């Protein structure tokens, strides 16, 4: 079931890659025609598409129905028994956001700000998983891992944070 779920999302992501590339090209071309500098036009277009393209599939997975309901407010309790694929998946939920948001939005060019934004996004997901009848377990450890993934990705893109012009 897990391989099927990830495989289905993976196929959709691969199928949409040409559309994502086209969207970035169209956005950049429009910004160039509007008089934006080439570096800024491409930077903002790629960052915007990267945020959506790299985050939406993971959020989709977190909102698919599961098999058990619950909530866990105990820090690191779920993490101890979490399988490696789930740890990696949680780290990836907001990784694209963490990587691209500081490139697009100067106000987010700070690891603490990226961590805070990812934590808020993750809290929204965990709250929805709890209040909607989805058969999902809401866990503080998921928020921790989602935020950590965004922070690590932000650090990986830090060399490109300086905004041109």
N, C-alpha and C. Protein backbone atom coordinates (compact mmCIF):
# COMPACT_ATOMS: atom_id res chain seq x y z
N UNK A 1 0.83 -1.20 0.00
CA UNK A 1 0.00 0.00 0.00
C UNK A 1 0.87 1.26 0.00
N UNK A 2 1.92 1.27 0.82
CA UNK A 2 2.78 2.45 0.91
C UNK A 2 3.50 2.67 -0.41
N UNK A 3 4.06 1.59 -0.97
CA UNK A 3 4.76 1.74 -2.25
C UNK A 3 3.80 2.21 -3.33
N UNK A 4 2.57 1.72 -3.31
CA UNK A 4 1.58 2.14 -4.29
C UNK A 4 1.24 3.61 -4.16
N UNK A 5 1.08 4.06 -2.91
CA UNK A 5 0.73 5.47 -2.68
C UNK A 5 1.87 6.37 -3.13
N UNK A 6 3.10 6.07 -2.71
CA UNK A 6 4.24 6.89 -3.10
C UNK A 6 4.50 6.78 -4.60
N UNK A 7 4.31 5.59 -5.13
CA UNK A 7 4.51 5.39 -6.56
C UNK A 7 3.54 6.20 -7.40
N UNK A 8 2.28 6.23 -6.97
CA UNK A 8 1.27 7.00 -7.71
C UNK A 8 1.60 8.48 -7.69
N UNK A 9 1.96 8.99 -6.53
CA UNK A 9 2.31 10.40 -6.43
C UNK A 9 3.57 10.68 -7.23
N UNK A 10 4.54 9.77 -7.17
CA UNK A 10 5.77 9.92 -7.93
C UNK A 10 5.52 9.99 -9.43
N UNK A 11 4.61 9.15 -9.92
CA UNK A 11 4.28 9.18 -11.35
C UNK A 11 3.62 10.49 -11.74
N UNK A 12 2.74 10.99 -10.89
CA UNK A 12 2.10 12.27 -11.18
C UNK A 12 3.14 13.39 -11.20
N UNK A 13 4.06 13.35 -10.24
CA UNK A 13 5.11 14.37 -10.17
C UNK A 13 5.97 14.33 -11.43
N UNK A 14 6.36 13.16 -11.85
CA UNK A 14 7.15 13.04 -13.08
C UNK A 14 6.37 13.51 -14.30
N UNK A 15 5.10 13.15 -14.36
CA UNK A 15 4.28 13.55 -15.51
C UNK A 15 4.12 15.07 -15.56
N UNK A 16 4.10 15.72 -14.40
CA UNK A 16 3.91 17.16 -14.36
C UNK A 16 5.20 17.97 -14.50
N UNK A 17 6.34 17.31 -14.53
CA UNK A 17 7.61 18.04 -14.65
C UNK A 17 7.67 18.92 -15.89
N UNK A 18 7.30 18.43 -17.06
CA UNK A 18 7.32 19.33 -18.23
C UNK A 18 6.38 20.53 -18.07
N UNK A 19 5.25 20.33 -17.42
CA UNK A 19 4.31 21.43 -17.20
C UNK A 19 4.90 22.44 -16.22
N UNK A 20 5.59 21.95 -15.19
CA UNK A 20 6.24 22.85 -14.23
C UNK A 20 7.33 23.66 -14.93
N UNK A 21 8.11 23.01 -15.77
CA UNK A 21 9.16 23.73 -16.51
C UNK A 21 8.55 24.77 -17.43
N UNK A 22 7.47 24.41 -18.11
CA UNK A 22 6.78 25.36 -18.98
C UNK A 22 6.21 26.53 -18.18
N UNK A 23 5.65 26.25 -17.01
CA UNK A 23 5.10 27.32 -16.17
C UNK A 23 6.20 28.30 -15.76
N UNK A 24 7.37 27.78 -15.39
CA UNK A 24 8.48 28.66 -15.02
C UNK A 24 8.91 29.50 -16.21
N UNK A 25 8.96 28.90 -17.38
CA UNK A 25 9.36 29.63 -18.59
C UNK A 25 8.35 30.73 -18.92
N UNK A 26 7.05 30.39 -18.85
CA UNK A 26 6.00 31.38 -19.14
C UNK A 26 6.06 32.53 -18.14
N UNK A 27 6.20 32.21 -16.86
CA UNK A 27 6.30 33.27 -15.84
C UNK A 27 7.51 34.17 -16.09
N UNK A 28 8.65 33.54 -16.36
CA UNK A 28 9.87 34.32 -16.59
C UNK A 28 9.72 35.20 -17.83
N UNK A 29 9.20 34.67 -18.90
CA UNK A 29 9.02 35.45 -20.14
C UNK A 29 8.10 36.64 -19.90
N UNK A 30 7.02 36.42 -19.18
CA UNK A 30 6.11 37.52 -18.88
C UNK A 30 6.78 38.61 -18.05
N UNK A 31 7.61 38.21 -17.12
CA UNK A 31 8.31 39.18 -16.29
C UNK A 31 9.39 39.91 -17.08
N UNK A 32 10.01 39.23 -18.02
CA UNK A 32 10.99 39.89 -18.88
C UNK A 32 10.30 40.94 -19.75
N UNK A 33 9.14 40.58 -20.30
CA UNK A 33 8.38 41.54 -21.12
C UNK A 33 7.91 42.74 -20.29
N UNK A 34 7.70 42.51 -19.00
CA UNK A 34 7.26 43.61 -18.11
C UNK A 34 8.43 44.49 -17.67
N UNK A 35 9.64 44.12 -18.09
CA UNK A 35 10.80 44.96 -17.80
C UNK A 35 11.65 44.51 -16.62
N UNK A 36 11.36 43.37 -16.05
CA UNK A 36 12.18 42.88 -14.94
C UNK A 36 13.53 42.41 -15.47
N UNK A 37 14.56 42.58 -14.68
CA UNK A 37 15.89 42.10 -15.07
C UNK A 37 15.85 40.59 -15.27
N UNK A 38 16.67 40.10 -16.19
CA UNK A 38 16.65 38.68 -16.52
C UNK A 38 16.88 37.79 -15.30
N UNK A 39 17.87 38.11 -14.49
CA UNK A 39 18.17 37.28 -13.31
C UNK A 39 16.99 37.25 -12.35
N UNK A 40 16.36 38.37 -12.14
CA UNK A 40 15.22 38.44 -11.22
C UNK A 40 14.01 37.71 -11.79
N UNK A 41 13.77 37.88 -13.08
CA UNK A 41 12.63 37.22 -13.72
C UNK A 41 12.73 35.71 -13.60
N UNK A 42 13.90 35.18 -13.91
CA UNK A 42 14.08 33.73 -13.84
C UNK A 42 14.11 33.22 -12.40
N UNK A 43 14.78 33.97 -11.53
CA UNK A 43 14.88 33.57 -10.13
C UNK A 43 13.50 33.45 -9.50
N UNK A 44 12.66 34.46 -9.68
CA UNK A 44 11.34 34.45 -9.05
C UNK A 44 10.44 33.38 -9.68
N UNK A 45 10.51 33.22 -10.98
CA UNK A 45 9.69 32.22 -11.66
C UNK A 45 10.05 30.81 -11.21
N UNK A 46 11.33 30.49 -11.22
CA UNK A 46 11.77 29.15 -10.81
C UNK A 46 11.46 28.90 -9.34
N UNK A 47 11.66 29.91 -8.50
CA UNK A 47 11.38 29.74 -7.07
C UNK A 47 9.89 29.50 -6.83
N UNK A 48 9.03 30.26 -7.48
CA UNK A 48 7.59 30.08 -7.28
C UNK A 48 7.13 28.70 -7.73
N UNK A 49 7.56 28.30 -8.90
CA UNK A 49 7.17 26.98 -9.40
C UNK A 49 7.79 25.89 -8.52
N UNK A 50 9.04 26.09 -8.10
CA UNK A 50 9.69 25.11 -7.23
C UNK A 50 8.98 24.92 -5.91
N UNK A 51 8.50 26.01 -5.33
CA UNK A 51 7.77 25.90 -4.06
C UNK A 51 6.52 25.05 -4.24
N UNK A 52 5.74 25.35 -5.27
CA UNK A 52 4.49 24.63 -5.48
C UNK A 52 4.76 23.19 -5.93
N UNK A 53 5.60 23.03 -6.94
CA UNK A 53 5.88 21.72 -7.50
C UNK A 53 6.54 20.78 -6.48
N UNK A 54 7.39 21.34 -5.61
CA UNK A 54 8.09 20.50 -4.65
C UNK A 54 7.37 20.29 -3.34
N UNK A 55 6.33 21.07 -3.08
CA UNK A 55 5.62 20.94 -1.81
C UNK A 55 4.26 20.25 -1.97
N UNK A 56 3.54 20.58 -3.01
CA UNK A 56 2.17 20.06 -3.19
C UNK A 56 2.08 18.53 -3.13
N UNK A 57 2.97 17.77 -3.76
CA UNK A 57 2.83 16.31 -3.70
C UNK A 57 2.95 15.76 -2.28
N UNK A 58 3.83 16.34 -1.50
CA UNK A 58 4.01 15.86 -0.12
C UNK A 58 2.80 16.22 0.74
N UNK A 59 2.25 17.40 0.53
CA UNK A 59 1.05 17.78 1.28
C UNK A 59 -0.10 16.87 0.86
N UNK A 60 -0.17 16.56 -0.43
CA UNK A 60 -1.19 15.64 -0.92
C UNK A 60 -1.10 14.31 -0.16
N UNK A 61 0.12 13.78 -0.03
CA UNK A 61 0.30 12.52 0.68
C UNK A 61 -0.14 12.61 2.13
N UNK A 62 0.13 13.73 2.79
CA UNK A 62 -0.23 13.86 4.20
C UNK A 62 -1.73 13.94 4.39
N UNK A 63 -2.46 14.30 3.34
CA UNK A 63 -3.90 14.46 3.46
C UNK A 63 -4.69 13.25 2.94
N UNK A 64 -3.98 12.19 2.52
CA UNK A 64 -4.67 10.99 2.10
C UNK A 64 -5.17 10.23 3.33
N UNK A 65 -6.30 9.55 3.20
CA UNK A 65 -6.83 8.81 4.35
C UNK A 65 -5.85 7.74 4.84
N UNK A 66 -5.87 7.53 6.15
CA UNK A 66 -5.04 6.52 6.78
C UNK A 66 -5.90 5.46 7.43
N UNK A 67 -5.32 4.72 8.37
CA UNK A 67 -6.05 3.61 8.98
C UNK A 67 -6.25 3.75 10.49
N UNK A 68 -5.70 4.81 11.09
CA UNK A 68 -5.95 4.97 12.53
C UNK A 68 -5.96 6.45 12.88
N UNK A 69 -6.84 6.79 13.82
CA UNK A 69 -6.96 8.16 14.28
C UNK A 69 -6.18 8.33 15.56
N UNK A 70 -5.77 9.57 15.82
CA UNK A 70 -5.14 9.84 17.10
C UNK A 70 -4.37 11.13 17.09
N UNK A 71 -3.82 11.44 18.23
CA UNK A 71 -3.01 12.63 18.38
C UNK A 71 -1.91 12.31 19.39
N UNK A 72 -0.73 12.84 19.14
CA UNK A 72 0.38 12.62 20.06
C UNK A 72 1.09 13.93 20.30
N UNK A 73 1.01 14.40 21.53
CA UNK A 73 1.67 15.65 21.91
C UNK A 73 3.01 15.40 22.59
N UNK A 74 3.42 14.13 22.73
CA UNK A 74 4.68 13.81 23.41
C UNK A 74 5.84 13.94 22.44
N UNK A 75 6.73 14.86 22.72
CA UNK A 75 7.88 15.12 21.85
C UNK A 75 8.77 13.89 21.73
N UNK A 76 9.10 13.52 20.52
CA UNK A 76 10.01 12.43 20.16
C UNK A 76 9.46 11.03 20.44
N UNK A 77 8.22 10.90 20.86
CA UNK A 77 7.65 9.57 21.11
C UNK A 77 7.43 8.81 19.81
N UNK A 78 6.83 9.45 18.82
CA UNK A 78 6.60 8.78 17.53
C UNK A 78 7.89 8.59 16.75
N UNK A 79 8.80 9.52 16.89
CA UNK A 79 10.04 9.50 16.12
C UNK A 79 10.85 8.24 16.38
N UNK A 80 10.84 7.76 17.61
CA UNK A 80 11.62 6.57 17.98
C UNK A 80 11.20 5.34 17.19
N UNK A 81 9.89 5.18 16.97
CA UNK A 81 9.42 4.00 16.26
C UNK A 81 9.09 4.24 14.80
N UNK A 82 9.41 5.42 14.30
CA UNK A 82 9.06 5.77 12.93
C UNK A 82 10.00 5.06 11.95
N UNK A 83 9.44 4.41 10.91
CA UNK A 83 10.31 3.78 9.91
C UNK A 83 11.08 4.85 9.13
N UNK A 84 12.27 4.48 8.63
CA UNK A 84 13.12 5.46 7.92
C UNK A 84 12.41 6.17 6.77
N UNK A 85 11.59 5.47 5.99
CA UNK A 85 10.91 6.13 4.87
C UNK A 85 9.99 7.23 5.37
N UNK A 86 9.40 7.06 6.55
CA UNK A 86 8.51 8.08 7.08
C UNK A 86 9.30 9.29 7.60
N UNK A 87 10.47 9.03 8.19
CA UNK A 87 11.32 10.13 8.63
C UNK A 87 11.74 10.96 7.42
N UNK A 88 12.21 10.30 6.37
CA UNK A 88 12.63 11.00 5.16
C UNK A 88 11.45 11.74 4.54
N UNK A 89 10.29 11.09 4.46
CA UNK A 89 9.11 11.74 3.90
C UNK A 89 8.73 12.99 4.67
N UNK A 90 8.78 12.93 5.99
CA UNK A 90 8.46 14.10 6.81
C UNK A 90 9.49 15.21 6.60
N UNK A 91 10.74 14.86 6.43
CA UNK A 91 11.76 15.87 6.17
C UNK A 91 11.53 16.56 4.82
N UNK A 92 10.93 15.85 3.88
CA UNK A 92 10.74 16.39 2.53
C UNK A 92 9.48 17.23 2.36
N UNK A 93 8.53 17.15 3.31
CA UNK A 93 7.24 17.83 3.13
C UNK A 93 7.42 19.32 2.79
N UNK A 94 8.23 20.03 3.57
CA UNK A 94 8.44 21.46 3.32
C UNK A 94 9.87 21.78 2.88
N UNK A 95 10.60 20.78 2.39
CA UNK A 95 11.98 21.01 1.95
C UNK A 95 12.03 21.95 0.74
N UNK A 96 11.17 21.76 -0.24
CA UNK A 96 11.17 22.64 -1.41
C UNK A 96 10.83 24.07 -0.99
N UNK A 97 9.88 24.20 -0.09
CA UNK A 97 9.55 25.53 0.43
C UNK A 97 10.78 26.14 1.11
N UNK A 98 11.44 25.36 1.95
CA UNK A 98 12.62 25.86 2.65
C UNK A 98 13.74 26.26 1.70
N UNK A 99 13.90 25.52 0.61
CA UNK A 99 14.94 25.82 -0.35
C UNK A 99 14.62 27.08 -1.17
N UNK A 100 13.39 27.15 -1.69
CA UNK A 100 13.05 28.21 -2.64
C UNK A 100 12.48 29.48 -2.03
N UNK A 101 11.80 29.40 -0.90
CA UNK A 101 11.15 30.60 -0.33
C UNK A 101 12.15 31.73 -0.06
N UNK A 102 13.34 31.46 0.50
CA UNK A 102 14.28 32.57 0.70
C UNK A 102 14.79 33.18 -0.61
N UNK A 103 14.76 32.39 -1.68
CA UNK A 103 15.18 32.90 -2.98
C UNK A 103 14.13 33.82 -3.58
N UNK A 104 12.88 33.56 -3.25
CA UNK A 104 11.77 34.33 -3.81
C UNK A 104 11.37 35.51 -2.93
N UNK A 105 11.36 35.30 -1.64
CA UNK A 105 10.86 36.30 -0.70
C UNK A 105 11.98 36.74 0.23
N UNK A 106 12.53 37.93 0.03
CA UNK A 106 13.64 38.40 0.87
C UNK A 106 13.33 38.35 2.37
N UNK A 107 12.07 38.53 2.74
CA UNK A 107 11.70 38.50 4.16
C UNK A 107 11.89 37.11 4.77
N UNK A 108 11.95 36.09 3.94
CA UNK A 108 12.15 34.72 4.45
C UNK A 108 13.60 34.26 4.33
N UNK A 109 14.51 35.16 4.00
CA UNK A 109 15.92 34.80 3.86
C UNK A 109 16.58 34.74 5.24
N UNK A 110 16.08 33.83 6.05
CA UNK A 110 16.58 33.61 7.40
C UNK A 110 16.12 32.22 7.82
N UNK A 111 17.02 31.41 8.34
CA UNK A 111 16.64 30.05 8.75
C UNK A 111 15.54 30.08 9.81
N UNK A 112 15.64 30.92 10.85
CA UNK A 112 14.55 30.94 11.83
C UNK A 112 13.18 31.29 11.21
N UNK A 113 13.16 32.19 10.23
CA UNK A 113 11.89 32.54 9.59
C UNK A 113 11.35 31.38 8.76
N UNK A 114 12.23 30.68 8.07
CA UNK A 114 11.81 29.51 7.29
C UNK A 114 11.29 28.44 8.24
N UNK A 115 12.00 28.21 9.35
CA UNK A 115 11.54 27.23 10.34
C UNK A 115 10.17 27.60 10.87
N UNK A 116 9.96 28.86 11.19
CA UNK A 116 8.67 29.31 11.72
C UNK A 116 7.56 29.12 10.69
N UNK A 117 7.81 29.51 9.44
CA UNK A 117 6.80 29.36 8.39
C UNK A 117 6.47 27.89 8.15
N UNK A 118 7.48 27.04 8.13
CA UNK A 118 7.25 25.60 7.93
C UNK A 118 6.50 25.01 9.13
N UNK A 119 6.81 25.46 10.32
CA UNK A 119 6.11 24.97 11.52
C UNK A 119 4.63 25.35 11.45
N UNK A 120 4.34 26.57 11.02
CA UNK A 120 2.94 26.99 10.89
C UNK A 120 2.22 26.12 9.85
N UNK A 121 2.86 25.92 8.70
CA UNK A 121 2.26 25.07 7.66
C UNK A 121 2.04 23.66 8.15
N UNK A 122 3.01 23.13 8.87
CA UNK A 122 2.89 21.78 9.39
C UNK A 122 1.80 21.68 10.46
N UNK A 123 1.68 22.71 11.29
CA UNK A 123 0.61 22.73 12.30
C UNK A 123 -0.76 22.74 11.64
N UNK A 124 -0.89 23.45 10.52
CA UNK A 124 -2.15 23.46 9.80
C UNK A 124 -2.47 22.04 9.30
N UNK A 125 -1.49 21.37 8.72
CA UNK A 125 -1.70 20.00 8.23
C UNK A 125 -2.08 19.07 9.38
N UNK A 126 -1.34 19.12 10.47
CA UNK A 126 -1.62 18.23 11.61
C UNK A 126 -2.98 18.53 12.22
N UNK A 127 -3.38 19.79 12.25
CA UNK A 127 -4.70 20.15 12.77
C UNK A 127 -5.79 19.60 11.86
N UNK A 128 -5.61 19.75 10.54
CA UNK A 128 -6.59 19.20 9.60
C UNK A 128 -6.67 17.67 9.72
N UNK A 129 -5.53 17.01 9.89
CA UNK A 129 -5.54 15.57 10.06
C UNK A 129 -6.31 15.16 11.32
N UNK A 130 -6.27 16.00 12.32
CA UNK A 130 -6.96 15.70 13.58
C UNK A 130 -8.46 15.97 13.49
N UNK A 131 -8.84 17.12 12.91
CA UNK A 131 -10.26 17.51 12.94
C UNK A 131 -11.08 16.88 11.82
N UNK A 132 -10.45 16.50 10.72
CA UNK A 132 -11.18 15.85 9.64
C UNK A 132 -11.16 14.34 9.86
N UNK A 133 -12.24 13.65 9.52
CA UNK A 133 -12.27 12.19 9.71
C UNK A 133 -11.45 11.49 8.63
N UNK A 134 -10.12 11.48 8.82
CA UNK A 134 -9.22 10.98 7.79
C UNK A 134 -8.51 9.69 8.17
N UNK A 135 -8.60 9.29 9.43
CA UNK A 135 -7.86 8.11 9.87
C UNK A 135 -6.37 8.38 9.93
N UNK A 136 -5.99 9.58 10.36
CA UNK A 136 -4.58 9.97 10.44
C UNK A 136 -4.23 10.29 11.89
N UNK A 137 -2.97 10.07 12.24
CA UNK A 137 -2.47 10.43 13.56
C UNK A 137 -1.75 11.76 13.45
N UNK A 138 -2.16 12.71 14.27
CA UNK A 138 -1.50 14.01 14.34
C UNK A 138 -0.40 13.92 15.38
N UNK A 139 0.80 14.35 15.02
CA UNK A 139 1.94 14.19 15.92
C UNK A 139 2.82 15.43 15.93
N UNK A 140 3.25 15.79 17.11
CA UNK A 140 4.19 16.90 17.26
C UNK A 140 5.52 16.56 16.59
N UNK A 141 5.85 15.28 16.51
CA UNK A 141 7.10 14.87 15.85
C UNK A 141 7.06 15.14 14.35
N UNK A 142 5.87 15.05 13.74
CA UNK A 142 5.75 15.40 12.32
C UNK A 142 6.04 16.88 12.11
N UNK A 143 5.53 17.72 13.00
CA UNK A 143 5.80 19.16 12.90
C UNK A 143 7.30 19.41 13.02
N UNK A 144 7.92 18.73 13.97
CA UNK A 144 9.37 18.87 14.18
C UNK A 144 10.15 18.46 12.93
N UNK A 145 9.83 17.31 12.36
CA UNK A 145 10.55 16.83 11.17
C UNK A 145 10.26 17.69 9.94
N UNK A 146 9.00 18.09 9.74
CA UNK A 146 8.67 18.94 8.60
C UNK A 146 9.45 20.24 8.67
N UNK A 147 9.51 20.83 9.86
CA UNK A 147 10.24 22.10 10.04
C UNK A 147 11.74 21.90 9.86
N UNK A 148 12.26 20.81 10.40
CA UNK A 148 13.69 20.53 10.27
C UNK A 148 14.07 20.37 8.80
N UNK A 149 13.24 19.67 8.02
CA UNK A 149 13.51 19.52 6.59
C UNK A 149 13.55 20.84 5.87
N UNK A 150 12.63 21.75 6.21
CA UNK A 150 12.63 23.08 5.60
C UNK A 150 13.88 23.85 6.00
N UNK A 151 14.28 23.76 7.27
CA UNK A 151 15.47 24.46 7.73
C UNK A 151 16.74 23.95 7.06
N UNK A 152 16.85 22.63 6.92
CA UNK A 152 18.03 22.06 6.26
C UNK A 152 18.09 22.47 4.79
N UNK A 153 16.93 22.46 4.14
CA UNK A 153 16.89 22.87 2.73
C UNK A 153 17.22 24.35 2.58
N UNK A 154 16.77 25.15 3.53
CA UNK A 154 17.10 26.59 3.49
C UNK A 154 18.61 26.77 3.61
N UNK A 155 19.22 26.02 4.49
CA UNK A 155 20.69 26.11 4.61
C UNK A 155 21.37 25.71 3.30
N UNK A 156 20.81 24.73 2.60
CA UNK A 156 21.39 24.28 1.34
C UNK A 156 21.31 25.36 0.26
N UNK A 157 20.32 26.24 0.34
CA UNK A 157 20.19 27.29 -0.68
C UNK A 157 20.77 28.63 -0.24
N UNK A 158 21.34 28.67 0.93
CA UNK A 158 21.77 29.93 1.52
C UNK A 158 22.72 30.73 0.63
N UNK A 159 23.56 30.09 -0.12
CA UNK A 159 24.54 30.81 -0.96
C UNK A 159 23.87 31.65 -2.04
N UNK A 160 22.61 31.36 -2.36
CA UNK A 160 21.88 32.10 -3.41
C UNK A 160 20.87 33.09 -2.84
N UNK A 161 20.87 33.32 -1.53
CA UNK A 161 19.87 34.19 -0.92
C UNK A 161 20.01 35.64 -1.32
N UNK A 162 21.18 36.08 -1.61
CA UNK A 162 21.38 37.50 -1.94
C UNK A 162 20.55 37.83 -3.17
N UNK A 163 19.66 38.76 -3.02
CA UNK A 163 18.75 39.12 -4.10
C UNK A 163 19.38 40.15 -5.04
N UNK A 164 19.35 39.85 -6.35
CA UNK A 164 19.91 40.80 -7.32
C UNK A 164 19.08 42.08 -7.40
N UNK A 165 19.77 43.15 -7.69
CA UNK A 165 19.17 44.43 -7.96
C UNK A 165 18.14 44.81 -7.00
